[in-house]
Amino acid sequence: MKRIILALVITAAMTSVTQAKVDLVTLPSRDTQESVTGNFSLEKEVYCVGEPIFARFEVVNNGEAPFSFVEFGASYYYFPTKIRNKEGRNFTKPLPGYLTGFVGTISLKPHGERYARDVLVSPRARLLPPGDYVVEISRTLDHQALDRIVKRNRTVDSDSEPSAEAASVTIEGKLHFRVKAYDPNELKKCLAALGREDHKARKEVRTVFRRNVNWALLDVSRKFEMGLSSATENLRAEVIRHLPKKWDDRYYLEAHLDYNRNWLTESDPEEYTLTFTILNNSNKRLESGVLGSRVYVDGEELKEWKNILRRALKDKKAKCIAAGAALKFSHRFNTYVKEKGKHEILWQVNDIASKKVALTVRGDGQ
């Protein structure tokens, strides 16, 4: 078995980036009676700036016995992912603060039954500038997780009974791709065609999850700061309509506004601190835009903001920010959100980068 794995790795390493979509490393089950393999792949090798990227995940049961594993929703947590450029710079975004739940179990029959699903990779990446990239992605098919779920909830499928003898299988992929310069016309065509081929069944492949087109469109909206939500009527058309006609390097400036809590008590307010961050995702030094930024509290511009910036950034070089670098500072905001009720704070860095947070001030005893 060790010889087979080594051969796969060597073969992948000898293949050029332009020819190979995946450097495959498959770790079979510890059970010699099972032979479960899999891979990740990309549809193409070249994407334009902002284009959604899907990885195709496929599992094959070549063994003599059935193989079952837990399947979840389209959560990033179950597909650990890292995105780097060829120089090794990390473009991976932090995981979102939520999980999608248990969906069901996949039971593959022996002798070659296959399962496939599409995994949306681009939300795990920041807005990628032109260049060469590699995405490392993996998935552990954990039958033990199925056992735990079955014990807690006997309402799952009757076929999903605990099987202690089944071992986990980890599948890993190393996918190479290139991002080319922003092209609004090409990106519009890609978004218009997104999902059109999903209805076509693949022969001899059991496909449970098709592409989540809405997630892909929302990710484009977030990357270009369109402010659209999943409730937007005709989301595809609105995303296409709001695509920038001309490219501006400021789209690579990513603004973050973090808070230590989202509610306060009116009579005895807790400490409320906001942390402001600008990240430069481009490949060159850019003006940060922070010195000309503005803050609005409940729609009213905060007149003290320039003085706050002067004090917060007195020891920082805030005018420009290096490629891949971040500028961060914090300030206590209790003074500006005293009254009971809901409040909204907006940080407008420039015409493109902006962030807002919501806060509730509660009465005593609430």
Protein backbone atom coordinates (compact mmCIF):
# COMPACT_ATOMS: atom_id res chain seq x y z
CA MET A 1 0.00 0.00 0.00
CA LYS A 2 2.83 2.41 0.81
CA ARG A 3 4.35 1.84 -2.62
CA ILE A 4 1.08 2.75 -4.34
CA ILE A 5 0.72 6.01 -2.44
CA LEU A 6 4.32 6.95 -3.21
CA ALA A 7 3.76 6.36 -6.91
CA LEU A 8 0.79 8.68 -6.92
CA VAL A 9 2.74 11.47 -5.28
CA ILE A 10 5.73 11.14 -7.62
CA THR A 11 3.52 11.08 -10.70
CA ALA A 12 1.71 14.22 -9.60
CA ALA A 13 4.95 16.03 -8.83
CA MET A 14 6.36 15.29 -12.31
CA THR A 15 3.32 16.80 -14.03
CA SER A 16 3.53 20.47 -14.94
CA VAL A 17 1.15 23.04 -13.46
CA THR A 18 -0.33 23.82 -16.84
CA GLN A 19 -1.20 20.18 -17.44
CA ALA A 20 -2.33 19.01 -14.04
CA LYS A 21 -5.49 20.10 -12.28
CA VAL A 22 -4.85 17.95 -9.21
CA ASP A 23 -1.93 16.45 -7.34
CA LEU A 24 -3.78 13.56 -5.78
CA VAL A 25 -2.95 11.97 -2.45
CA THR A 26 -5.50 9.40 -1.33
CA LEU A 27 -5.30 7.68 2.04
CA PRO A 28 -7.34 4.44 1.95
CA SER A 29 -9.19 2.94 4.87
CA ARG A 30 -7.28 0.86 7.40
CA ASP A 31 -9.61 -2.00 6.57
CA THR A 32 -7.91 -4.04 3.84
CA GLN A 33 -11.30 -5.33 2.73
CA GLU A 34 -12.25 -1.80 1.70
CA SER A 35 -10.64 0.31 -0.99
CA VAL A 36 -12.20 3.73 -0.93
CA THR A 37 -10.48 6.35 -3.06
CA GLY A 38 -11.29 9.87 -4.16
CA ASN A 39 -10.05 13.10 -5.66
CA PHE A 40 -10.62 16.81 -6.08
CA SER A 41 -10.49 18.59 -9.43
CA LEU A 42 -11.19 21.96 -11.04
CA GLU A 43 -13.21 22.52 -14.21
CA LYS A 44 -10.57 24.80 -15.69
CA GLU A 45 -7.15 26.22 -14.97
CA VAL A 46 -7.75 29.93 -15.59
CA TYR A 47 -10.31 32.20 -13.88
CA CYS A 48 -10.79 35.97 -14.05
CA VAL A 49 -10.70 38.22 -10.99
CA GLY A 50 -13.83 37.70 -8.88
CA GLU A 51 -15.07 34.56 -10.67
CA PRO A 52 -16.60 31.81 -8.48
CA ILE A 53 -14.43 28.69 -8.16
CA PHE A 54 -15.90 25.23 -7.57
CA ALA A 55 -13.91 22.10 -6.74
CA ARG A 56 -15.37 18.77 -7.79
CA PHE A 57 -15.16 16.18 -4.98
CA GLU A 58 -15.56 12.51 -5.92
CA VAL A 59 -15.46 9.25 -3.93
CA VAL A 60 -15.32 5.70 -5.31
CA ASN A 61 -15.94 2.50 -3.35
CA ASN A 62 -13.86 -0.17 -5.07
CA GLY A 63 -14.03 -2.53 -2.09
CA GLU A 64 -15.94 -5.69 -1.34
CA ALA A 65 -18.24 -4.17 1.30
CA PRO A 66 -20.55 -1.13 1.46
CA PHE A 67 -19.02 2.10 2.74
CA SER A 68 -21.01 4.82 4.54
CA PHE A 69 -20.05 8.29 5.71
CA VAL A 70 -21.69 11.38 7.13
CA GLU A 71 -22.57 14.19 4.73
CA PHE A 72 -23.22 17.73 5.85
CA GLY A 73 -24.50 20.88 4.20
CA ALA A 74 -22.30 23.16 2.16
CA SER A 75 -20.24 24.09 5.20
CA TYR A 76 -16.61 25.09 4.80
CA TYR A 77 -15.80 23.34 8.08
CA TYR A 78 -15.90 19.89 6.53
CA PHE A 79 -13.55 20.76 3.67
CA PRO A 80 -10.43 22.27 5.29
CA THR A 81 -8.98 24.64 2.70
CA LYS A 82 -5.87 26.78 2.24
CA ILE A 83 -5.27 29.14 -0.71
CA ARG A 84 -1.79 30.49 -1.42
CA ASN A 85 -0.03 32.13 -4.35
CA LYS A 86 3.14 30.67 -5.84
CA GLU A 87 5.27 32.79 -3.49
CA GLY A 88 3.49 31.20 -0.51
CA ARG A 89 1.45 34.23 0.55
CA ASN A 90 -1.74 33.19 2.30
CA PHE A 91 -5.04 34.36 0.76
CA THR A 92 -7.30 32.18 2.94
CA LYS A 93 -10.10 33.94 4.79
CA PRO A 94 -11.00 32.95 8.36
CA LEU A 95 -13.84 30.49 8.76
CA PRO A 96 -17.30 32.02 9.21
CA GLY A 97 -18.76 31.79 12.67
CA TYR A 98 -21.44 29.24 11.93
CA LEU A 99 -21.95 25.62 10.94
CA THR A 100 -24.46 24.00 8.65
CA GLY A 101 -26.03 20.90 10.09
CA PHE A 102 -26.19 17.20 9.48
CA VAL A 103 -27.87 16.43 6.16
CA GLY A 104 -27.76 12.65 5.87
CA THR A 105 -25.54 9.71 5.14
CA ILE A 106 -24.04 8.45 1.93
CA SER A 107 -23.88 4.67 1.55
CA LEU A 108 -21.84 3.49 -1.44
CA LYS A 109 -22.30 -0.01 -2.75
CA PRO A 110 -19.18 -2.13 -3.32
CA HIS A 111 -17.49 -2.71 -6.66
CA GLY A 112 -17.29 0.82 -7.97
CA GLU A 113 -20.25 2.96 -6.90
CA ARG A 114 -19.26 6.64 -7.07
CA TYR A 115 -20.40 9.79 -5.31
CA ALA A 116 -19.68 13.40 -6.28
CA ARG A 117 -20.50 16.90 -5.13
CA ASP A 118 -19.35 20.43 -5.94
CA VAL A 119 -17.61 22.45 -3.25
CA LEU A 120 -17.58 26.26 -3.51
CA VAL A 121 -13.95 27.21 -2.83
CA SER A 122 -13.92 30.95 -3.61
CA PRO A 123 -15.61 32.11 -0.34
CA ARG A 124 -12.55 30.74 1.48
CA ALA A 125 -10.32 33.06 -0.59
CA ARG A 126 -9.92 36.80 -0.46
CA LEU A 127 -10.33 38.73 -3.71
CA LEU A 128 -7.45 37.21 -5.68
CA PRO A 129 -5.28 39.49 -7.85
CA PRO A 130 -3.87 38.11 -11.13
CA GLY A 131 -1.30 35.38 -10.55
CA ASP A 132 -0.74 31.66 -9.99
CA TYR A 133 -2.33 29.91 -7.01
CA VAL A 134 -2.66 26.56 -5.32
CA VAL A 135 -5.61 25.48 -3.18
CA GLU A 136 -5.07 22.64 -0.72
CA ILE A 137 -8.34 20.99 0.20
CA SER A 138 -9.23 17.81 2.07
CA ARG A 139 -12.15 15.83 3.40
CA THR A 140 -12.29 13.11 6.05
CA LEU A 141 -15.11 10.64 5.55
CA ASP A 142 -15.77 9.89 9.19
CA HIS A 143 -17.98 6.89 9.89
CA GLN A 144 -17.44 7.35 13.61
CA ALA A 145 -19.25 10.70 13.34
CA LEU A 146 -22.18 8.78 11.87
CA ASP A 147 -22.15 6.44 14.87
CA ARG A 148 -22.36 9.38 17.27
CA ILE A 149 -25.26 10.94 15.35
CA VAL A 150 -27.16 7.65 15.18
CA LYS A 151 -26.82 7.20 18.94
CA ARG A 152 -28.17 10.72 19.60
CA ASN A 153 -30.94 10.61 17.00
CA ARG A 154 -32.56 7.33 16.03
CA THR A 155 -34.71 9.10 13.40
CA VAL A 156 -31.97 9.03 10.75
CA ASP A 157 -32.22 6.65 7.81
CA SER A 158 -32.72 3.05 8.85
CA ASP A 159 -29.73 2.01 6.71
CA SER A 160 -27.44 4.20 8.82
CA GLU A 161 -26.67 1.84 11.65
CA PRO A 162 -23.43 2.10 13.65
CA SER A 163 -20.57 0.04 12.22
CA ALA A 164 -17.59 0.20 14.52
CA GLU A 165 -15.40 -1.78 12.14
CA ALA A 166 -15.51 0.96 9.46
CA ALA A 167 -12.49 3.28 9.48
CA SER A 168 -12.17 6.87 8.36
CA VAL A 169 -10.86 7.81 4.94
CA THR A 170 -9.05 11.09 4.27
CA ILE A 171 -8.89 12.47 0.75
CA GLU A 172 -6.58 15.36 -0.07
CA GLY A 173 -6.16 17.47 -3.18
CA LYS A 174 -3.66 20.09 -4.31
CA LEU A 175 -5.21 22.11 -7.14
CA HIS A 176 -3.33 24.61 -9.30
CA PHE A 177 -5.03 27.48 -11.09
CA ARG A 178 -4.34 30.94 -12.49
CA VAL A 179 -6.24 34.19 -12.10
CA LYS A 180 -6.10 36.63 -15.00
CA ALA A 181 -6.92 40.34 -15.12
CA TYR A 182 -10.43 41.57 -14.42
CA ASP A 183 -12.71 41.43 -17.45
CA PRO A 184 -16.30 42.59 -16.77
CA ASN A 185 -17.70 41.11 -19.98
CA GLU A 186 -16.17 37.69 -19.36
CA LEU A 187 -17.25 37.70 -15.70
CA LYS A 188 -20.82 38.57 -16.74
CA LYS A 189 -20.86 35.59 -19.11
CA CYS A 190 -19.54 33.28 -16.37
CA LEU A 191 -22.19 34.43 -13.89
CA ALA A 192 -24.97 34.18 -16.46
CA ALA A 193 -23.97 30.58 -17.24
CA LEU A 194 -23.50 29.57 -13.60
CA GLY A 195 -25.52 26.43 -12.85
CA ARG A 196 -26.81 25.82 -16.37
CA GLU A 197 -25.08 22.46 -16.66
CA ASP A 198 -26.01 21.27 -13.17
CA HIS A 199 -29.21 19.54 -14.28
CA LYS A 200 -27.31 17.13 -16.48
CA ALA A 201 -26.82 13.83 -14.66
CA ARG A 202 -23.35 12.29 -14.79
CA LYS A 203 -23.44 8.65 -15.78
CA GLU A 204 -22.73 6.14 -13.02
CA VAL A 205 -22.15 8.91 -10.47
CA ARG A 206 -24.42 9.48 -7.51
CA THR A 207 -24.58 13.27 -7.10
CA VAL A 208 -26.37 14.59 -4.03
CA PHE A 209 -25.20 18.22 -3.92
CA ARG A 210 -25.35 20.40 -6.98
CA ARG A 211 -23.84 23.83 -7.11
CA ASN A 212 -25.18 26.41 -4.74
CA VAL A 213 -25.47 29.25 -7.22
CA ASN A 214 -26.81 31.71 -4.65
CA TRP A 215 -23.79 31.23 -2.39
CA ALA A 216 -21.50 31.88 -5.35
CA LEU A 217 -23.37 35.04 -6.33
CA LEU A 218 -23.38 36.33 -2.74
CA ASP A 219 -19.63 35.79 -2.56
CA VAL A 220 -19.17 37.94 -5.67
CA SER A 221 -21.39 40.59 -4.04
CA ARG A 222 -19.25 40.57 -0.88
CA LYS A 223 -15.95 40.76 -2.75
CA PHE A 224 -17.08 43.79 -4.75
CA GLU A 225 -18.89 45.42 -1.78
CA MET A 226 -22.29 45.44 -3.53
CA GLY A 227 -24.27 45.11 -0.30
CA LEU A 228 -26.71 42.57 -1.77
CA SER A 229 -28.35 39.87 0.35
CA SER A 230 -29.86 36.44 -0.30
CA ALA A 231 -33.30 38.11 -0.20
CA THR A 232 -32.45 40.20 -3.25
CA GLU A 233 -34.99 39.66 -6.01
CA ASN A 234 -33.28 38.18 -9.07
CA LEU A 235 -29.89 38.07 -7.34
CA ARG A 236 -28.01 36.97 -10.47
CA ALA A 237 -29.21 39.96 -12.49
CA GLU A 238 -28.43 42.39 -9.67
CA VAL A 239 -24.90 41.05 -9.18
CA ILE A 240 -24.22 41.31 -12.91
CA ARG A 241 -25.64 44.84 -12.99
CA HIS A 242 -23.43 45.99 -10.10
CA LEU A 243 -20.16 44.60 -11.45
CA PRO A 244 -17.57 47.39 -11.76
CA LYS A 245 -17.22 48.63 -15.33
CA LYS A 246 -13.62 49.68 -14.76
CA TRP A 247 -11.09 48.10 -12.48
CA ASP A 248 -9.86 50.00 -9.45
CA ASP A 249 -7.07 48.74 -7.19
CA ARG A 250 -9.15 49.89 -4.22
CA TYR A 251 -11.25 46.75 -4.68
CA TYR A 252 -8.30 44.92 -3.15
CA LEU A 253 -8.63 46.92 0.07
CA GLU A 254 -10.67 44.76 2.43
CA ALA A 255 -12.30 46.56 5.37
CA HIS A 256 -13.20 44.86 8.65
CA LEU A 257 -15.09 46.27 11.62
CA ASP A 258 -15.03 43.96 14.65
CA TYR A 259 -16.66 44.42 18.04
CA ASN A 260 -16.17 42.90 21.48
CA ARG A 261 -19.95 42.63 22.10
CA ASN A 262 -23.24 43.44 20.33
CA TRP A 263 -25.37 44.66 23.27
CA LEU A 264 -25.03 47.02 26.24
CA THR A 265 -27.02 47.76 29.38
CA GLU A 266 -28.49 51.27 29.43
CA SER A 267 -27.90 52.32 33.07
CA ASP A 268 -24.52 50.64 33.54
CA PRO A 269 -23.05 50.08 30.04
CA GLU A 270 -20.35 47.50 29.51
CA GLU A 271 -17.10 48.26 27.70
CA TYR A 272 -17.82 48.60 23.96
CA THR A 273 -14.76 48.60 21.69
CA LEU A 274 -14.58 48.59 17.90
CA THR A 275 -11.52 47.37 16.02
CA PHE A 276 -10.94 48.83 12.55
CA THR A 277 -8.84 46.89 10.03
CA ILE A 278 -7.77 47.51 6.43
CA LEU A 279 -6.12 44.62 4.56
CA ASN A 280 -4.33 45.08 1.24
CA ASN A 281 -5.00 41.99 -0.90
CA SER A 282 -3.19 43.36 -3.97
CA ASN A 283 0.33 42.69 -5.15
CA LYS A 284 1.51 46.27 -4.74
CA ARG A 285 1.62 49.09 -2.22
CA LEU A 286 -1.67 51.04 -2.07
CA GLU A 287 -3.02 54.10 -0.33
CA SER A 288 -4.98 52.79 2.64
CA GLY A 289 -7.75 55.40 2.45
CA VAL A 290 -7.99 55.35 6.27
CA LEU A 291 -7.00 58.99 6.77
CA GLY A 292 -9.92 60.10 4.59
CA SER A 293 -12.39 57.58 6.03
CA ARG A 294 -15.60 58.53 7.83
CA VAL A 295 -17.74 56.98 10.56
CA TYR A 296 -21.52 57.31 10.82
CA VAL A 297 -23.49 56.49 13.98
CA ASP A 298 -27.19 55.98 13.24
CA GLY A 299 -26.76 57.90 9.98
CA GLU A 300 -25.05 60.90 11.56
CA GLU A 301 -21.40 61.54 10.71
CA LEU A 302 -19.11 61.33 13.73
CA LYS A 303 -17.40 64.73 13.81
CA GLU A 304 -14.72 63.58 16.25
CA TRP A 305 -13.46 60.89 13.87
CA LYS A 306 -10.46 62.85 12.56
CA ASN A 307 -9.24 63.45 16.10
CA ILE A 308 -9.78 59.78 16.94
CA LEU A 309 -7.70 58.81 13.92
CA ARG A 310 -4.96 61.23 14.85
CA ARG A 311 -4.64 59.72 18.32
CA ALA A 312 -5.03 56.09 17.22
CA LEU A 313 -2.53 56.31 14.34
CA LYS A 314 0.10 58.62 15.79
CA ASP A 315 2.70 55.83 15.75
CA LYS A 316 1.51 54.14 12.56
CA LYS A 317 2.25 54.79 8.90
CA ALA A 318 -1.36 54.97 7.82
CA LYS A 319 -1.23 56.71 4.43
CA CYS A 320 0.01 53.67 2.48
CA ILE A 321 -0.14 49.96 3.17
CA ALA A 322 2.16 47.27 1.74
CA ALA A 323 0.92 44.32 -0.31
CA GLY A 324 -0.47 41.65 1.98
CA ALA A 325 -0.21 43.90 5.05
CA ALA A 326 -2.95 45.01 7.44
CA LEU A 327 -3.52 48.27 9.32
CA LYS A 328 -5.44 47.84 12.60
CA PHE A 329 -6.51 50.10 15.45
CA SER A 330 -9.23 50.15 18.13
CA HIS A 331 -11.35 52.74 19.91
CA ARG A 332 -13.90 52.71 22.76
CA PHE A 333 -17.37 53.71 21.48
CA ASN A 334 -19.50 53.81 24.64
CA THR A 335 -19.85 57.60 24.37
CA TYR A 336 -21.67 57.41 21.03
CA VAL A 337 -24.27 54.69 21.75
CA LYS A 338 -25.99 55.50 25.04
CA GLU A 339 -29.70 55.53 24.37
CA LYS A 340 -31.86 52.44 24.67
CA GLY A 341 -32.65 50.77 21.35
CA LYS A 342 -30.85 49.58 18.24
CA HIS A 343 -27.85 51.39 16.79
CA GLU A 344 -25.84 51.07 13.59
CA ILE A 345 -22.23 52.14 13.04
CA LEU A 346 -20.87 52.47 9.50
CA TRP A 347 -17.20 52.85 8.58
CA GLN A 348 -16.79 54.28 5.06
CA VAL A 349 -13.17 53.99 3.94
CA ASN A 350 -13.69 55.04 0.32
CA ASP A 351 -16.31 54.65 -2.39
CA ILE A 352 -15.72 50.90 -2.36
CA ALA A 353 -14.55 49.58 1.01
CA SER A 354 -17.01 49.98 3.89
CA LYS A 355 -18.30 47.99 6.86
CA LYS A 356 -21.08 48.36 9.39
CA VAL A 357 -22.08 46.76 12.68
CA ALA A 358 -25.29 46.68 14.70
CA LEU A 359 -25.64 47.17 18.46
CA THR A 360 -28.57 46.99 20.89
CA VAL A 361 -28.72 48.95 24.13
CA ARG A 362 -31.06 47.13 26.53
CA GLY A 363 -32.96 48.40 29.54
CA ASP A 364 -32.25 46.99 32.99
CA GLY A 365 -33.42 43.44 33.53
CA GLN A 366 -33.69 42.61 29.83
